[in-house]
Full PDB file with SEQRES, HELIX, SHEET, SSBOND, CRYST1, ORIGX, SCALE, CONECT and MASTER records, all heavy atoms in Angstrom:
SEQRES   1 A   36  LEU ALA LEU TYR LEU ASP ALA PRO ALA PRO GLY LEU TRP          
SEQRES   2 A   36  ARG ASP ARG MET ASN GLU ASP GLY SER PHE VAL ASP GLU          
SEQRES   3 A   36  PRO ALA PRO ALA SER SER PHE TYR HIS ILE                      
HELIX    1 AA1 ALA A    2  LEU A    5  1                                   4    
HELIX    2 AA2 SER A   31  HIS A   35  1                                   5    
CRYST1    1.000    1.000    1.000  90.00  90.00  90.00 P 1           1          
ORIGX1      1.000000  0.000000  0.000000        0.00000                         
ORIGX2      0.000000  1.000000  0.000000        0.00000                         
ORIGX3      0.000000  0.000000  1.000000        0.00000                         
SCALE1      1.000000  0.000000  0.000000        0.00000                         
SCALE2      0.000000  1.000000  0.000000        0.00000                         
SCALE3      0.000000  0.000000  1.000000        0.00000                         
ATOM      1  N   LEU A   1       0.828  -1.199   0.000  1.00  0.00           N  
ATOM      2  CA  LEU A   1       0.000   0.000   0.000  1.00  0.00           C  
ATOM      3  C   LEU A   1       0.866   1.255   0.000  1.00  0.00           C  
ATOM      4  O   LEU A   1       0.557   2.240  -0.687  1.00  0.00           O  
ATOM      5  CB  LEU A   1      -0.924  -0.003   1.218  1.00  0.00           C  
ATOM      6  CG  LEU A   1      -1.727   1.281   1.483  1.00  0.00           C  
ATOM      7  CD1 LEU A   1      -2.631   1.620   0.313  1.00  0.00           C  
ATOM      8  CD2 LEU A   1      -2.543   1.129   2.768  1.00  0.00           C  
ATOM      9  N   ALA A   2       1.956   1.208   0.745  1.00  0.00           N  
ATOM     10  CA  ALA A   2       2.835   2.378   0.839  1.00  0.00           C  
ATOM     11  C   ALA A   2       3.407   2.778  -0.515  1.00  0.00           C  
ATOM     12  O   ALA A   2       3.731   3.957  -0.725  1.00  0.00           O  
ATOM     13  CB  ALA A   2       3.960   2.098   1.829  1.00  0.00           C  
ATOM     14  N   LEU A   3       3.522   1.831  -1.447  1.00  0.00           N  
ATOM     15  CA  LEU A   3       3.992   2.179  -2.789  1.00  0.00           C  
ATOM     16  C   LEU A   3       3.067   3.212  -3.423  1.00  0.00           C  
ATOM     17  O   LEU A   3       3.515   4.114  -4.130  1.00  0.00           O  
ATOM     18  CB  LEU A   3       4.044   0.921  -3.666  1.00  0.00           C  
ATOM     19  CG  LEU A   3       4.999  -0.196  -3.251  1.00  0.00           C  
ATOM     20  CD1 LEU A   3       4.821  -1.405  -4.170  1.00  0.00           C  
ATOM     21  CD2 LEU A   3       6.448   0.287  -3.285  1.00  0.00           C  
ATOM     22  N   TYR A   4       1.784   3.076  -3.193  1.00  0.00           N  
ATOM     23  CA  TYR A   4       0.786   3.975  -3.779  1.00  0.00           C  
ATOM     24  C   TYR A   4       0.786   5.341  -3.085  1.00  0.00           C  
ATOM     25  O   TYR A   4       0.362   6.334  -3.678  1.00  0.00           O  
ATOM     26  CB  TYR A   4      -0.603   3.355  -3.672  1.00  0.00           C  
ATOM     27  CG  TYR A   4      -0.826   2.154  -4.562  1.00  0.00           C  
ATOM     28  CD1 TYR A   4      -0.271   0.923  -4.249  1.00  0.00           C  
ATOM     29  CD2 TYR A   4      -1.608   2.233  -5.710  1.00  0.00           C  
ATOM     30  CE1 TYR A   4      -0.485  -0.199  -5.043  1.00  0.00           C  
ATOM     31  CE2 TYR A   4      -1.831   1.131  -6.518  1.00  0.00           C  
ATOM     32  CZ  TYR A   4      -1.256  -0.082  -6.177  1.00  0.00           C  
ATOM     33  OH  TYR A   4      -1.470  -1.179  -6.983  1.00  0.00           O  
ATOM     34  N   LEU A   5       1.220   5.371  -1.829  1.00  0.00           N  
ATOM     35  CA  LEU A   5       1.228   6.630  -1.084  1.00  0.00           C  
ATOM     36  C   LEU A   5       2.487   7.457  -1.347  1.00  0.00           C  
ATOM     37  O   LEU A   5       2.589   8.589  -0.872  1.00  0.00           O  
ATOM     38  CB  LEU A   5       1.113   6.340   0.422  1.00  0.00           C  
ATOM     39  CG  LEU A   5      -0.107   5.515   0.853  1.00  0.00           C  
ATOM     40  CD1 LEU A   5      -0.152   5.408   2.373  1.00  0.00           C  
ATOM     41  CD2 LEU A   5      -1.403   6.088   0.302  1.00  0.00           C  
ATOM     42  N   ASP A   6       3.427   6.897  -2.090  1.00  0.00           N  
ATOM     43  CA  ASP A   6       4.645   7.614  -2.469  1.00  0.00           C  
ATOM     44  C   ASP A   6       4.342   8.430  -3.719  1.00  0.00           C  
ATOM     45  O   ASP A   6       4.657   8.049  -4.843  1.00  0.00           O  
ATOM     46  CB  ASP A   6       5.771   6.619  -2.717  1.00  0.00           C  
ATOM     47  CG  ASP A   6       7.096   7.313  -3.023  1.00  0.00           C  
ATOM     48  OD1 ASP A   6       7.218   8.531  -2.761  1.00  0.00           O  
ATOM     49  OD2 ASP A   6       8.015   6.633  -3.523  1.00  0.00           O  
ATOM     50  N   ALA A   7       3.706   9.571  -3.517  1.00  0.00           N  
ATOM     51  CA  ALA A   7       3.171  10.379  -4.611  1.00  0.00           C  
ATOM     52  C   ALA A   7       4.011  11.638  -4.814  1.00  0.00           C  
ATOM     53  O   ALA A   7       4.855  11.980  -3.978  1.00  0.00           O  
ATOM     54  CB  ALA A   7       1.724  10.751  -4.296  1.00  0.00           C  
ATOM     55  N   PRO A   8       3.780  12.366  -5.920  1.00  0.00           N  
ATOM     56  CA  PRO A   8       4.563  13.578  -6.184  1.00  0.00           C  
ATOM     57  C   PRO A   8       4.471  14.615  -5.079  1.00  0.00           C  
ATOM     58  O   PRO A   8       5.424  15.356  -4.832  1.00  0.00           O  
ATOM     59  CB  PRO A   8       3.957  14.100  -7.490  1.00  0.00           C  
ATOM     60  CG  PRO A   8       3.369  12.901  -8.147  1.00  0.00           C  
ATOM     61  CD  PRO A   8       2.887  12.032  -7.042  1.00  0.00           C  
ATOM     62  N   ALA A   9       3.328  14.740  -4.432  1.00  0.00           N  
ATOM     63  CA  ALA A   9       3.160  15.667  -3.309  1.00  0.00           C  
ATOM     64  C   ALA A   9       2.759  14.875  -2.080  1.00  0.00           C  
ATOM     65  O   ALA A   9       1.872  14.016  -2.162  1.00  0.00           O  
ATOM     66  CB  ALA A   9       2.100  16.715  -3.630  1.00  0.00           C  
ATOM     67  N   PRO A  10       3.396  15.106  -0.953  1.00  0.00           N  
ATOM     68  CA  PRO A  10       3.033  14.381   0.272  1.00  0.00           C  
ATOM     69  C   PRO A  10       1.555  14.565   0.601  1.00  0.00           C  
ATOM     70  O   PRO A  10       1.029  15.671   0.563  1.00  0.00           O  
ATOM     71  CB  PRO A  10       3.930  15.019   1.338  1.00  0.00           C  
ATOM     72  CG  PRO A  10       5.097  15.562   0.581  1.00  0.00           C  
ATOM     73  CD  PRO A  10       4.535  16.027  -0.733  1.00  0.00           C  
ATOM     74  N   GLY A  11       0.896  13.451   0.915  1.00  0.00           N  
ATOM     75  CA  GLY A  11      -0.525  13.484   1.225  1.00  0.00           C  
ATOM     76  C   GLY A  11      -1.415  13.118   0.061  1.00  0.00           C  
ATOM     77  O   GLY A  11      -2.607  12.887   0.250  1.00  0.00           O  
ATOM     78  N   LEU A  12      -0.874  13.065  -1.143  1.00  0.00           N  
ATOM     79  CA  LEU A  12      -1.597  12.530  -2.292  1.00  0.00           C  
ATOM     80  C   LEU A  12      -1.290  11.041  -2.426  1.00  0.00           C  
ATOM     81  O   LEU A  12      -0.573  10.469  -1.618  1.00  0.00           O  
ATOM     82  CB  LEU A  12      -1.209  13.277  -3.566  1.00  0.00           C  
ATOM     83  CG  LEU A  12      -1.487  14.780  -3.609  1.00  0.00           C  
ATOM     84  CD1 LEU A  12      -1.151  15.341  -4.988  1.00  0.00           C  
ATOM     85  CD2 LEU A  12      -2.934  15.095  -3.242  1.00  0.00           C  
ATOM     86  N   TRP A  13      -1.821  10.417  -3.468  1.00  0.00           N  
ATOM     87  CA  TRP A  13      -1.574   8.995  -3.701  1.00  0.00           C  
ATOM     88  C   TRP A  13      -1.719   8.692  -5.174  1.00  0.00           C  
ATOM     89  O   TRP A  13      -2.263   9.467  -5.956  1.00  0.00           O  
ATOM     90  CB  TRP A  13      -2.568   8.129  -2.913  1.00  0.00           C  
ATOM     91  CG  TRP A  13      -3.946   8.687  -2.861  1.00  0.00           C  
ATOM     92  CD1 TRP A  13      -4.913   8.653  -3.830  1.00  0.00           C  
ATOM     93  CD2 TRP A  13      -4.511   9.424  -1.770  1.00  0.00           C  
ATOM     94  NE1 TRP A  13      -6.036   9.311  -3.410  1.00  0.00           N  
ATOM     95  CE2 TRP A  13      -5.827   9.781  -2.147  1.00  0.00           C  
ATOM     96  CE3 TRP A  13      -4.054   9.795  -0.500  1.00  0.00           C  
ATOM     97  CZ2 TRP A  13      -6.673  10.507  -1.307  1.00  0.00           C  
ATOM     98  CZ3 TRP A  13      -4.893  10.513   0.329  1.00  0.00           C  
ATOM     99  CH2 TRP A  13      -6.181  10.855  -0.071  1.00  0.00           C  
ATOM    100  N   ARG A  14      -1.164   7.550  -5.529  1.00  0.00           N  
ATOM    101  CA  ARG A  14      -1.346   7.009  -6.874  1.00  0.00           C  
ATOM    102  C   ARG A  14      -2.562   6.090  -6.836  1.00  0.00           C  
ATOM    103  O   ARG A  14      -2.742   5.345  -5.883  1.00  0.00           O  
ATOM    104  CB  ARG A  14      -0.124   6.197  -7.286  1.00  0.00           C  
ATOM    105  CG  ARG A  14       1.202   6.941  -7.196  1.00  0.00           C  
ATOM    106  CD  ARG A  14       1.347   7.934  -8.321  1.00  0.00           C  
ATOM    107  NE  ARG A  14       2.736   8.342  -8.491  1.00  0.00           N  
ATOM    108  CZ  ARG A  14       3.168   9.128  -9.473  1.00  0.00           C  
ATOM    109  NH1 ARG A  14       2.305   9.602 -10.351  1.00  0.00           N  
ATOM    110  NH2 ARG A  14       4.430   9.462  -9.573  1.00  0.00           N  
ATOM    111  N   ASP A  15      -3.361   6.109  -7.883  1.00  0.00           N  
ATOM    112  CA  ASP A  15      -4.576   5.298  -7.846  1.00  0.00           C  
ATOM    113  C   ASP A  15      -4.469   4.021  -8.663  1.00  0.00           C  
ATOM    114  O   ASP A  15      -5.065   3.011  -8.296  1.00  0.00           O  
ATOM    115  CB  ASP A  15      -5.766   6.114  -8.355  1.00  0.00           C  
ATOM    116  CG  ASP A  15      -7.067   5.352  -8.223  1.00  0.00           C  
ATOM    117  OD1 ASP A  15      -7.396   4.938  -7.089  1.00  0.00           O  
ATOM    118  OD2 ASP A  15      -7.758   5.143  -9.242  1.00  0.00           O  
ATOM    119  N   ARG A  16      -3.719   4.027  -9.759  1.00  0.00           N  
ATOM    120  CA  ARG A  16      -3.701   2.862 -10.647  1.00  0.00           C  
ATOM    121  C   ARG A  16      -2.287   2.467 -11.017  1.00  0.00           C  
ATOM    122  O   ARG A  16      -1.514   3.285 -11.522  1.00  0.00           O  
ATOM    123  CB  ARG A  16      -4.493   3.167 -11.923  1.00  0.00           C  
ATOM    124  CG  ARG A  16      -5.993   3.350 -11.691  1.00  0.00           C  
ATOM    125  CD  ARG A  16      -6.735   3.521 -13.002  1.00  0.00           C  
ATOM    126  NE  ARG A  16      -6.401   4.785 -13.649  1.00  0.00           N  
ATOM    127  CZ  ARG A  16      -6.745   5.102 -14.895  1.00  0.00           C  
ATOM    128  NH1 ARG A  16      -7.417   4.234 -15.639  1.00  0.00           N  
ATOM    129  NH2 ARG A  16      -6.427   6.277 -15.399  1.00  0.00           N  
ATOM    130  N   MET A  17      -1.949   1.194 -10.755  1.00  0.00           N  
ATOM    131  CA  MET A  17      -0.675   0.628 -11.162  1.00  0.00           C  
ATOM    132  C   MET A  17      -0.871  -0.142 -12.469  1.00  0.00           C  
ATOM    133  O   MET A  17      -1.777  -0.955 -12.605  1.00  0.00           O  
ATOM    134  CB  MET A  17      -0.125  -0.318 -10.088  1.00  0.00           C  
ATOM    135  CG  MET A  17       1.218  -0.944 -10.461  1.00  0.00           C  
ATOM    136  SD  MET A  17       1.787  -2.197  -9.265  1.00  0.00           S  
ATOM    137  CE  MET A  17       2.333  -1.145  -7.910  1.00  0.00           C  
ATOM    138  N   ASN A  18       0.008   0.122 -13.440  1.00  0.00           N  
ATOM    139  CA  ASN A  18      -0.019  -0.600 -14.704  1.00  0.00           C  
ATOM    140  C   ASN A  18       0.535  -2.009 -14.529  1.00  0.00           C  
ATOM    141  O   ASN A  18       1.124  -2.354 -13.504  1.00  0.00           O  
ATOM    142  CB  ASN A  18       0.803   0.153 -15.752  1.00  0.00           C  
ATOM    143  CG  ASN A  18       0.215   1.507 -16.087  1.00  0.00           C  
ATOM    144  OD1 ASN A  18      -0.971   1.619 -16.377  1.00  0.00           O  
ATOM    145  ND2 ASN A  18       1.046   2.545 -16.051  1.00  0.00           N  
ATOM    146  N   GLU A  19       0.386  -2.812 -15.572  1.00  0.00           N  
ATOM    147  CA  GLU A  19       0.861  -4.189 -15.501  1.00  0.00           C  
ATOM    148  C   GLU A  19       2.368  -4.274 -15.326  1.00  0.00           C  
ATOM    149  O   GLU A  19       2.874  -5.257 -14.763  1.00  0.00           O  
ATOM    150  CB  GLU A  19       0.423  -4.952 -16.758  1.00  0.00           C  
ATOM    151  CG  GLU A  19      -1.088  -5.108 -16.863  1.00  0.00           C  
ATOM    152  CD  GLU A  19      -1.514  -6.067 -17.969  1.00  0.00           C  
ATOM    153  OE1 GLU A  19      -0.702  -6.941 -18.330  1.00  0.00           O  
ATOM    154  OE2 GLU A  19      -2.645  -5.955 -18.454  1.00  0.00           O  
ATOM    155  N   ASP A  20       3.110  -3.251 -15.775  1.00  0.00           N  
ATOM    156  CA  ASP A  20       4.567  -3.285 -15.638  1.00  0.00           C  
ATOM    157  C   ASP A  20       5.061  -2.724 -14.311  1.00  0.00           C  
ATOM    158  O   ASP A  20       6.265  -2.624 -14.079  1.00  0.00           O  
ATOM    159  CB  ASP A  20       5.231  -2.541 -16.800  1.00  0.00           C  
ATOM    160  CG  ASP A  20       4.898  -1.038 -16.815  1.00  0.00           C  
ATOM    161  OD1 ASP A  20       4.171  -0.565 -15.910  1.00  0.00           O  
ATOM    162  OD2 ASP A  20       5.364  -0.343 -17.740  1.00  0.00           O  
ATOM    163  N   GLY A  21       4.147  -2.357 -13.425  1.00  0.00           N  
ATOM    164  CA  GLY A  21       4.519  -1.832 -12.121  1.00  0.00           C  
ATOM    165  C   GLY A  21       4.624  -0.330 -12.054  1.00  0.00           C  
ATOM    166  O   GLY A  21       4.799   0.228 -10.958  1.00  0.00           O  
ATOM    167  N   SER A  22       4.510   0.366 -13.188  1.00  0.00           N  
ATOM    168  CA  SER A  22       4.492   1.827 -13.184  1.00  0.00           C  
ATOM    169  C   SER A  22       3.095   2.317 -12.797  1.00  0.00           C  
ATOM    170  O   SER A  22       2.128   1.549 -12.808  1.00  0.00           O  
ATOM    171  CB  SER A  22       4.878   2.372 -14.561  1.00  0.00           C  
ATOM    172  OG  SER A  22       3.917   1.998 -15.538  1.00  0.00           O  
ATOM    173  N   PHE A  23       3.016   3.609 -12.492  1.00  0.00           N  
ATOM    174  CA  PHE A  23       1.729   4.177 -12.097  1.00  0.00           C  
ATOM    175  C   PHE A  23       1.211   5.124 -13.170  1.00  0.00           C  
ATOM    176  O   PHE A  23       1.983   5.807 -13.854  1.00  0.00           O  
ATOM    177  CB  PHE A  23       1.860   4.935 -10.778  1.00  0.00           C  
ATOM    178  CG  PHE A  23       1.996   4.041  -9.578  1.00  0.00           C  
ATOM    179  CD1 PHE A  23       3.242   3.808  -9.019  1.00  0.00           C  
ATOM    180  CD2 PHE A  23       0.890   3.430  -9.029  1.00  0.00           C  
ATOM    181  CE1 PHE A  23       3.383   2.978  -7.919  1.00  0.00           C  
ATOM    182  CE2 PHE A  23       1.006   2.603  -7.929  1.00  0.00           C  
ATOM    183  CZ  PHE A  23       2.258   2.372  -7.367  1.00  0.00           C  
ATOM    184  N   VAL A  24      -0.101   5.173 -13.311  1.00  0.00           N  
ATOM    185  CA  VAL A  24      -0.743   6.116 -14.217  1.00  0.00           C  
ATOM    186  C   VAL A  24      -0.579   7.519 -13.640  1.00  0.00           C  
ATOM    187  O   VAL A  24      -0.789   7.748 -12.451  1.00  0.00           O  
ATOM    188  CB  VAL A  24      -2.237   5.781 -14.382  1.00  0.00           C  
ATOM    189  CG1 VAL A  24      -2.927   6.814 -15.273  1.00  0.00           C  
ATOM    190  CG2 VAL A  24      -2.407   4.378 -14.951  1.00  0.00           C  
ATOM    191  N   ASP A  25      -0.170   8.452 -14.494  1.00  0.00           N  
ATOM    192  CA  ASP A  25       0.000   9.845 -14.077  1.00  0.00           C  
ATOM    193  C   ASP A  25      -1.353  10.541 -14.173  1.00  0.00           C  
ATOM    194  O   ASP A  25      -1.831  10.863 -15.259  1.00  0.00           O  
ATOM    195  CB  ASP A  25       1.031  10.527 -14.983  1.00  0.00           C  
ATOM    196  CG  ASP A  25       1.356  11.944 -14.522  1.00  0.00           C  
ATOM    197  OD1 ASP A  25       0.946  12.314 -13.403  1.00  0.00           O  
ATOM    198  OD2 ASP A  25       2.006  12.681 -15.293  1.00  0.00           O  
ATOM    199  N   GLU A  26      -1.990  10.786 -13.035  1.00  0.00           N  
ATOM    200  CA  GLU A  26      -3.339  11.326 -13.013  1.00  0.00           C  
ATOM    201  C   GLU A  26      -3.593  11.973 -11.660  1.00  0.00           C  
ATOM    202  O   GLU A  26      -2.846  11.739 -10.698  1.00  0.00           O  
ATOM    203  CB  GLU A  26      -4.357  10.215 -13.259  1.00  0.00           C  
ATOM    204  CG  GLU A  26      -4.290   9.110 -12.223  1.00  0.00           C  
ATOM    205  CD  GLU A  26      -5.185   7.930 -12.544  1.00  0.00           C  
ATOM    206  OE1 GLU A  26      -6.138   8.098 -13.335  1.00  0.00           O  
ATOM    207  OE2 GLU A  26      -4.940   6.833 -12.009  1.00  0.00           O  
ATOM    208  N   PRO A  27      -4.633  12.786 -11.553  1.00  0.00           N  
ATOM    209  CA  PRO A  27      -4.958  13.388 -10.257  1.00  0.00           C  
ATOM    210  C   PRO A  27      -5.286  12.321  -9.216  1.00  0.00           C  
ATOM    211  O   PRO A  27      -5.735  11.215  -9.541  1.00  0.00           O  
ATOM    212  CB  PRO A  27      -6.183  14.260 -10.568  1.00  0.00           C  
ATOM    213  CG  PRO A  27      -6.112  14.509 -12.034  1.00  0.00           C  
ATOM    214  CD  PRO A  27      -5.510  13.287 -12.630  1.00  0.00           C  
ATOM    215  N   ALA A  28      -5.095  12.685  -7.957  1.00  0.00           N  
ATOM    216  CA  ALA A  28      -5.413  11.782  -6.848  1.00  0.00           C  
ATOM    217  C   ALA A  28      -6.896  11.890  -6.523  1.00  0.00           C  
ATOM    218  O   ALA A  28      -7.384  12.992  -6.215  1.00  0.00           O  
ATOM    219  CB  ALA A  28      -4.582  12.135  -5.625  1.00  0.00           C  
ATOM    220  N   PRO A  29      -7.644  10.788  -6.567  1.00  0.00           N  
ATOM    221  CA  PRO A  29      -9.077  10.856  -6.279  1.00  0.00           C  
ATOM    222  C   PRO A  29      -9.353  10.886  -4.779  1.00  0.00           C  
ATOM    223  O   PRO A  29      -8.835  10.072  -4.017  1.00  0.00           O  
ATOM    224  CB  PRO A  29      -9.614   9.570  -6.906  1.00  0.00           C  
ATOM    225  CG  PRO A  29      -8.454   8.616  -6.863  1.00  0.00           C  
ATOM    226  CD  PRO A  29      -7.216   9.453  -7.010  1.00  0.00           C  
ATOM    227  N   ALA A  30     -10.196  11.812  -4.371  1.00  0.00           N  
ATOM    228  CA  ALA A  30     -10.563  11.900  -2.958  1.00  0.00           C  
ATOM    229  C   ALA A  30     -11.272  10.636  -2.491  1.00  0.00           C  
ATOM    230  O   ALA A  30     -11.234  10.294  -1.305  1.00  0.00           O  
ATOM    231  CB  ALA A  30     -11.468  13.115  -2.732  1.00  0.00           C  
ATOM    232  N   SER A  31     -11.913   9.927  -3.410  1.00  0.00           N  
ATOM    233  CA  SER A  31     -12.652   8.719  -3.039  1.00  0.00           C  
ATOM    234  C   SER A  31     -11.772   7.683  -2.365  1.00  0.00           C  
ATOM    235  O   SER A  31     -12.254   6.870  -1.569  1.00  0.00           O  
ATOM    236  CB  SER A  31     -13.321   8.111  -4.274  1.00  0.00           C  
ATOM    237  OG  SER A  31     -12.356   7.790  -5.259  1.00  0.00           O  
ATOM    238  N   SER A  32     -10.473   7.694  -2.663  1.00  0.00           N  
ATOM    239  CA  SER A  32      -9.562   6.704  -2.084  1.00  0.00           C  
ATOM    240  C   SER A  32      -9.233   6.986  -0.625  1.00  0.00           C  
ATOM    241  O   SER A  32      -8.758   6.087   0.072  1.00  0.00           O  
ATOM    242  CB  SER A  32      -8.263   6.659  -2.891  1.00  0.00           C  
ATOM    243  OG  SER A  32      -8.496   6.246  -4.209  1.00  0.00           O  
ATOM    244  N   PHE A  33      -9.460   8.220  -0.168  1.00  0.00           N  
ATOM    245  CA  PHE A  33      -9.069   8.570   1.198  1.00  0.00           C  
ATOM    246  C   PHE A  33      -9.813   7.702   2.216  1.00  0.00           C  
ATOM    247  O   PHE A  33      -9.246   7.270   3.221  1.00  0.00           O  
ATOM    248  CB  PHE A  33      -9.337  10.048   1.445  1.00  0.00           C  
ATOM    249  CG  PHE A  33      -8.577  10.631   2.622  1.00  0.00           C  
ATOM    250  CD1 PHE A  33      -7.583   9.928   3.290  1.00  0.00           C  
ATOM    251  CD2 PHE A  33      -8.858  11.920   3.051  1.00  0.00           C  
ATOM    252  CE1 PHE A  33      -6.885  10.485   4.361  1.00  0.00           C  
ATOM    253  CE2 PHE A  33      -8.170  12.493   4.118  1.00  0.00           C  
ATOM    254  CZ  PHE A  33      -7.192  11.760   4.774  1.00  0.00           C  
ATOM    255  N   TYR A  34     -11.084   7.458   1.958  1.00  0.00           N  
ATOM    256  CA  TYR A  34     -11.864   6.591   2.851  1.00  0.00           C  
ATOM    257  C   TYR A  34     -11.220   5.218   2.974  1.00  0.00           C  
ATOM    258  O   TYR A  34     -11.047   4.686   4.076  1.00  0.00           O  
ATOM    259  CB  TYR A  34     -13.299   6.501   2.328  1.00  0.00           C  
ATOM    260  CG  TYR A  34     -13.990   5.185   2.553  1.00  0.00           C  
ATOM    261  CD1 TYR A  34     -14.576   4.876   3.784  1.00  0.00           C  
ATOM    262  CD2 TYR A  34     -14.071   4.249   1.522  1.00  0.00           C  
ATOM    263  CE1 TYR A  34     -15.219   3.661   3.976  1.00  0.00           C  
ATOM    264  CE2 TYR A  34     -14.715   3.043   1.707  1.00  0.00           C  
ATOM    265  CZ  TYR A  34     -15.287   2.746   2.935  1.00  0.00           C  
ATOM    266  OH  TYR A  34     -15.916   1.544   3.118  1.00  0.00           O  
ATOM    267  N   HIS A  35     -10.863   4.609   1.849  1.00  0.00           N  
ATOM    268  CA  HIS A  35     -10.241   3.282   1.877  1.00  0.00           C  
ATOM    269  C   HIS A  35      -8.939   3.306   2.681  1.00  0.00           C  
ATOM    270  O   HIS A  35      -8.687   2.423   3.519  1.00  0.00           O  
ATOM    271  CB  HIS A  35      -9.940   2.818   0.452  1.00  0.00           C  
ATOM    272  CG  HIS A  35     -11.150   2.463  -0.343  1.00  0.00           C  
ATOM    273  ND1 HIS A  35     -11.882   1.319  -0.122  1.00  0.00           N  
ATOM    274  CD2 HIS A  35     -11.761   3.101  -1.376  1.00  0.00           C  
ATOM    275  CE1 HIS A  35     -12.881   1.250  -0.985  1.00  0.00           C  
ATOM    276  NE2 HIS A  35     -12.833   2.320  -1.758  1.00  0.00           N  
ATOM    277  N   ILE A  36      -8.116   4.316   2.405  1.00  0.00           N  
ATOM    278  CA  ILE A  36      -6.829   4.415   3.095  1.00  0.00           C  
ATOM    279  C   ILE A  36      -7.033   4.626   4.586  1.00  0.00           C  
ATOM    280  O   ILE A  36      -6.396   3.968   5.418  1.00  0.00           O  
ATOM    281  CB  ILE A  36      -6.010   5.580   2.507  1.00  0.00           C  
ATOM    282  CG1 ILE A  36      -5.703   5.338   1.019  1.00  0.00           C  
ATOM    283  CG2 ILE A  36      -4.707   5.761   3.279  1.00  0.00           C  
ATOM    284  CD1 ILE A  36      -5.201   6.579   0.300  1.00  0.00           C  
TER     285      ILE A  36                                                      
MASTER        0    0    0    2    0    0    0    6  284    1    0    3          
END                                                                             
């Protein structure tokens, strides 16, 4: 989980990991905060 929290700005997160292990470059969705 911590891999996803290593985002460009502290307190944001990555939402989608590609099949090769890279992350999609996109805004952080607030909807994920509840899950986290």
